[in-house]
Amino acid sequence: MSPVTTPNPRDQRTYYVSDERLRAFAKLSYAQRLHWVEQCSQFVRLAQQAMAKDNKIHHAEISSVGLLRGESGGSCAEEQAGV
């Protein structure tokens, strides 16, 4: 019996490409195809970096709000007790 695994959401993605686009890609030389793949890869990396940057900014904003609340100089226990 094989172990049950939860499918990764990435594995559930479906992409549709028109026959016209497939024919156009098939007409490219191997060098052109490689260039196309490299461009796609670069685009994905840039998008991932932008998302990571946005997430860091969002986390920094959340942290700064928490820091602003704690600027009274009191300890966390004092803040929780309402002192």
N, C-alpha and C. Protein backbone atom coordinates (compact mmCIF):
# COMPACT_ATOMS: atom_id res chain seq x y z
N MET A 1 0.85 -1.18 0.00
CA MET A 1 0.00 0.00 0.00
C MET A 1 0.89 1.24 0.00
N SER A 2 0.64 2.19 -0.89
CA SER A 2 1.45 3.40 -0.95
C SER A 2 0.91 4.44 0.02
N PRO A 3 1.81 5.27 0.56
CA PRO A 3 1.37 6.30 1.51
C PRO A 3 0.50 7.34 0.81
N VAL A 4 -0.45 7.89 1.55
CA VAL A 4 -1.33 8.93 1.02
C VAL A 4 -0.62 10.26 1.18
N THR A 5 -0.50 11.01 0.09
CA THR A 5 0.13 12.32 0.15
C THR A 5 -0.87 13.38 -0.29
N THR A 6 -0.73 14.53 0.31
CA THR A 6 -1.57 15.66 -0.06
C THR A 6 -0.99 16.30 -1.31
N PRO A 7 -1.80 16.49 -2.35
CA PRO A 7 -1.26 17.09 -3.57
C PRO A 7 -0.86 18.54 -3.34
N ASN A 8 0.22 18.92 -3.95
CA ASN A 8 0.70 20.29 -3.89
C ASN A 8 -0.20 21.14 -4.79
N PRO A 9 -0.66 22.31 -4.33
CA PRO A 9 -1.50 23.16 -5.17
C PRO A 9 -0.86 23.48 -6.52
N ARG A 10 0.47 23.54 -6.55
CA ARG A 10 1.15 23.80 -7.82
C ARG A 10 0.91 22.67 -8.81
N ASP A 11 0.75 21.46 -8.29
CA ASP A 11 0.51 20.30 -9.16
C ASP A 11 -0.90 20.34 -9.76
N GLN A 12 -1.76 21.15 -9.20
CA GLN A 12 -3.15 21.22 -9.65
C GLN A 12 -3.36 22.30 -10.72
N ARG A 13 -2.31 23.04 -11.03
CA ARG A 13 -2.44 24.12 -12.01
C ARG A 13 -2.61 23.56 -13.41
N THR A 14 -3.39 24.26 -14.21
CA THR A 14 -3.62 23.88 -15.60
C THR A 14 -3.37 25.09 -16.48
N TYR A 15 -2.67 24.88 -17.55
CA TYR A 15 -2.37 25.95 -18.48
C TYR A 15 -2.92 25.58 -19.85
N TYR A 16 -3.55 26.51 -20.49
CA TYR A 16 -4.10 26.29 -21.82
C TYR A 16 -3.32 27.15 -22.81
N VAL A 17 -2.87 26.52 -23.89
CA VAL A 17 -2.14 27.22 -24.93
C VAL A 17 -2.85 26.92 -26.23
N SER A 18 -3.11 27.97 -26.97
CA SER A 18 -3.82 27.78 -28.23
C SER A 18 -2.94 27.02 -29.23
N ASP A 19 -3.60 26.37 -30.18
CA ASP A 19 -2.87 25.65 -31.23
C ASP A 19 -2.01 26.61 -32.04
N GLU A 20 -2.51 27.82 -32.23
CA GLU A 20 -1.77 28.83 -32.98
C GLU A 20 -0.44 29.16 -32.29
N ARG A 21 -0.48 29.32 -30.99
CA ARG A 21 0.75 29.63 -30.25
C ARG A 21 1.70 28.44 -30.25
N LEU A 22 1.16 27.24 -30.17
CA LEU A 22 2.01 26.05 -30.24
C LEU A 22 2.70 25.93 -31.59
N ARG A 23 1.96 26.22 -32.65
CA ARG A 23 2.55 26.18 -33.99
C ARG A 23 3.64 27.24 -34.13
N ALA A 24 3.40 28.43 -33.61
CA ALA A 24 4.39 29.50 -33.67
C ALA A 24 5.66 29.10 -32.91
N PHE A 25 5.49 28.49 -31.74
CA PHE A 25 6.65 28.05 -30.95
C PHE A 25 7.41 26.96 -31.69
N ALA A 26 6.69 26.05 -32.34
CA ALA A 26 7.33 24.95 -33.07
C ALA A 26 8.17 25.47 -34.23
N LYS A 27 7.84 26.62 -34.77
CA LYS A 27 8.59 27.18 -35.89
C LYS A 27 9.90 27.84 -35.45
N LEU A 28 10.05 28.09 -34.14
CA LEU A 28 11.27 28.74 -33.65
C LEU A 28 12.46 27.79 -33.74
N SER A 29 13.63 28.37 -33.92
CA SER A 29 14.86 27.56 -33.88
C SER A 29 15.12 27.16 -32.42
N TYR A 30 16.03 26.22 -32.23
CA TYR A 30 16.35 25.79 -30.86
C TYR A 30 16.92 26.95 -30.05
N ALA A 31 17.72 27.78 -30.68
CA ALA A 31 18.29 28.94 -29.98
C ALA A 31 17.19 29.92 -29.57
N GLN A 32 16.21 30.14 -30.47
CA GLN A 32 15.09 31.03 -30.14
C GLN A 32 14.24 30.44 -29.01
N ARG A 33 14.04 29.13 -29.03
CA ARG A 33 13.27 28.49 -27.95
C ARG A 33 13.98 28.66 -26.62
N LEU A 34 15.30 28.43 -26.62
CA LEU A 34 16.08 28.59 -25.40
C LEU A 34 16.00 30.02 -24.89
N HIS A 35 16.11 30.98 -25.79
CA HIS A 35 16.00 32.39 -25.42
C HIS A 35 14.64 32.67 -24.80
N TRP A 36 13.59 32.11 -25.38
CA TRP A 36 12.22 32.29 -24.87
C TRP A 36 12.10 31.72 -23.46
N VAL A 37 12.65 30.52 -23.25
CA VAL A 37 12.60 29.89 -21.93
C VAL A 37 13.37 30.72 -20.91
N GLU A 38 14.54 31.23 -21.31
CA GLU A 38 15.33 32.07 -20.41
C GLU A 38 14.59 33.34 -20.03
N GLN A 39 13.89 33.94 -20.99
CA GLN A 39 13.10 35.15 -20.70
C GLN A 39 11.97 34.84 -19.73
N CYS A 40 11.31 33.72 -19.93
CA CYS A 40 10.23 33.32 -19.02
C CYS A 40 10.77 33.09 -17.62
N SER A 41 11.91 32.42 -17.54
CA SER A 41 12.53 32.15 -16.25
C SER A 41 12.90 33.45 -15.54
N GLN A 42 13.46 34.39 -16.28
CA GLN A 42 13.82 35.68 -15.70
C GLN A 42 12.57 36.41 -15.20
N PHE A 43 11.50 36.36 -15.97
CA PHE A 43 10.25 37.01 -15.56
C PHE A 43 9.74 36.41 -14.25
N VAL A 44 9.77 35.09 -14.15
CA VAL A 44 9.29 34.42 -12.94
C VAL A 44 10.15 34.81 -11.74
N ARG A 45 11.48 34.82 -11.92
CA ARG A 45 12.37 35.21 -10.82
C ARG A 45 12.09 36.64 -10.37
N LEU A 46 11.92 37.56 -11.32
CA LEU A 46 11.64 38.95 -10.96
C LEU A 46 10.30 39.07 -10.23
N ALA A 47 9.32 38.33 -10.68
CA ALA A 47 8.02 38.36 -10.00
C ALA A 47 8.13 37.80 -8.59
N GLN A 48 8.89 36.72 -8.42
CA GLN A 48 9.07 36.15 -7.09
C GLN A 48 9.79 37.13 -6.17
N GLN A 49 10.81 37.81 -6.69
CA GLN A 49 11.54 38.79 -5.90
C GLN A 49 10.63 39.94 -5.49
N ALA A 50 9.79 40.40 -6.41
CA ALA A 50 8.87 41.49 -6.10
C ALA A 50 7.87 41.06 -5.03
N MET A 51 7.37 39.83 -5.14
CA MET A 51 6.43 39.34 -4.13
C MET A 51 7.12 39.23 -2.77
N ALA A 52 8.35 38.74 -2.75
CA ALA A 52 9.09 38.62 -1.49
C ALA A 52 9.32 40.00 -0.89
N LYS A 53 9.65 40.97 -1.73
CA LYS A 53 9.87 42.34 -1.25
C LYS A 53 8.57 42.90 -0.66
N ASP A 54 7.46 42.70 -1.35
CA ASP A 54 6.17 43.17 -0.84
C ASP A 54 5.85 42.52 0.49
N ASN A 55 6.13 41.23 0.62
CA ASN A 55 5.87 40.53 1.88
C ASN A 55 6.74 41.09 3.00
N LYS A 56 8.02 41.40 2.69
CA LYS A 56 8.91 41.97 3.71
C LYS A 56 8.41 43.33 4.14
N ILE A 57 7.97 44.14 3.18
CA ILE A 57 7.44 45.48 3.50
C ILE A 57 6.20 45.33 4.37
N HIS A 58 5.32 44.41 4.01
CA HIS A 58 4.10 44.20 4.78
C HIS A 58 4.44 43.76 6.20
N HIS A 59 5.39 42.83 6.35
CA HIS A 59 5.78 42.38 7.68
C HIS A 59 6.45 43.51 8.47
N ALA A 60 7.22 44.34 7.77
CA ALA A 60 7.87 45.47 8.44
C ALA A 60 6.82 46.46 8.94
N GLU A 61 5.78 46.69 8.15
CA GLU A 61 4.71 47.60 8.57
C GLU A 61 4.01 47.06 9.81
N ILE A 62 3.75 45.77 9.81
CA ILE A 62 3.10 45.16 10.98
C ILE A 62 4.01 45.28 12.19
N SER A 63 5.30 45.03 12.00
CA SER A 63 6.25 45.12 13.11
C SER A 63 6.35 46.55 13.62
N SER A 64 6.35 47.52 12.71
CA SER A 64 6.49 48.91 13.15
C SER A 64 5.27 49.35 13.94
N VAL A 65 4.10 48.86 13.60
CA VAL A 65 2.91 49.19 14.38
C VAL A 65 3.05 48.62 15.78
N GLY A 66 3.57 47.41 15.88
CA GLY A 66 3.80 46.80 17.19
C GLY A 66 4.85 47.57 17.97
N LEU A 67 5.89 48.06 17.29
CA LEU A 67 6.93 48.82 17.97
C LEU A 67 6.39 50.16 18.44
N LEU A 68 5.53 50.79 17.65
CA LEU A 68 4.97 52.07 18.06
C LEU A 68 4.15 51.92 19.33
N ARG A 69 3.44 50.83 19.46
CA ARG A 69 2.64 50.59 20.67
C ARG A 69 3.54 50.39 21.88
N GLY A 70 4.74 49.83 21.66
CA GLY A 70 5.63 49.53 22.77
C GLY A 70 6.62 50.63 23.09
N GLU A 71 6.43 51.84 22.53
CA GLU A 71 7.38 52.92 22.74
C GLU A 71 7.29 53.54 24.13
N SER A 72 6.33 53.14 24.95
CA SER A 72 6.19 53.73 26.28
C SER A 72 7.34 53.36 27.19
N GLY A 73 8.12 52.34 26.80
CA GLY A 73 9.26 51.95 27.62
C GLY A 73 8.90 50.87 28.61
N GLY A 74 7.65 50.53 28.71
CA GLY A 74 7.24 49.49 29.63
C GLY A 74 7.51 48.11 29.08
N SER A 75 7.44 47.12 29.94
CA SER A 75 7.68 45.76 29.49
C SER A 75 6.40 45.21 28.86
N CYS A 76 6.53 44.09 28.20
CA CYS A 76 5.38 43.45 27.60
C CYS A 76 4.37 43.06 28.66
N ALA A 77 4.86 42.59 29.80
CA ALA A 77 3.96 42.19 30.89
C ALA A 77 3.16 43.39 31.39
N GLU A 78 3.81 44.56 31.47
CA GLU A 78 3.12 45.77 31.92
C GLU A 78 2.06 46.18 30.91
N GLU A 79 2.39 46.07 29.64
CA GLU A 79 1.43 46.43 28.61
C GLU A 79 0.23 45.51 28.66
N GLN A 80 0.45 44.21 28.84
CA GLN A 80 -0.65 43.26 28.90
C GLN A 80 -1.50 43.50 30.12
N ALA A 81 -0.88 43.95 31.21
CA ALA A 81 -1.64 44.20 32.45
C ALA A 81 -2.34 45.54 32.40
N GLY A 82 -2.04 46.34 31.37
CA GLY A 82 -2.69 47.63 31.23
C GLY A 82 -2.01 48.71 32.03
N VAL A 83 -0.76 48.51 32.42
CA VAL A 83 -0.03 49.49 33.23
C VAL A 83 0.56 50.55 32.35
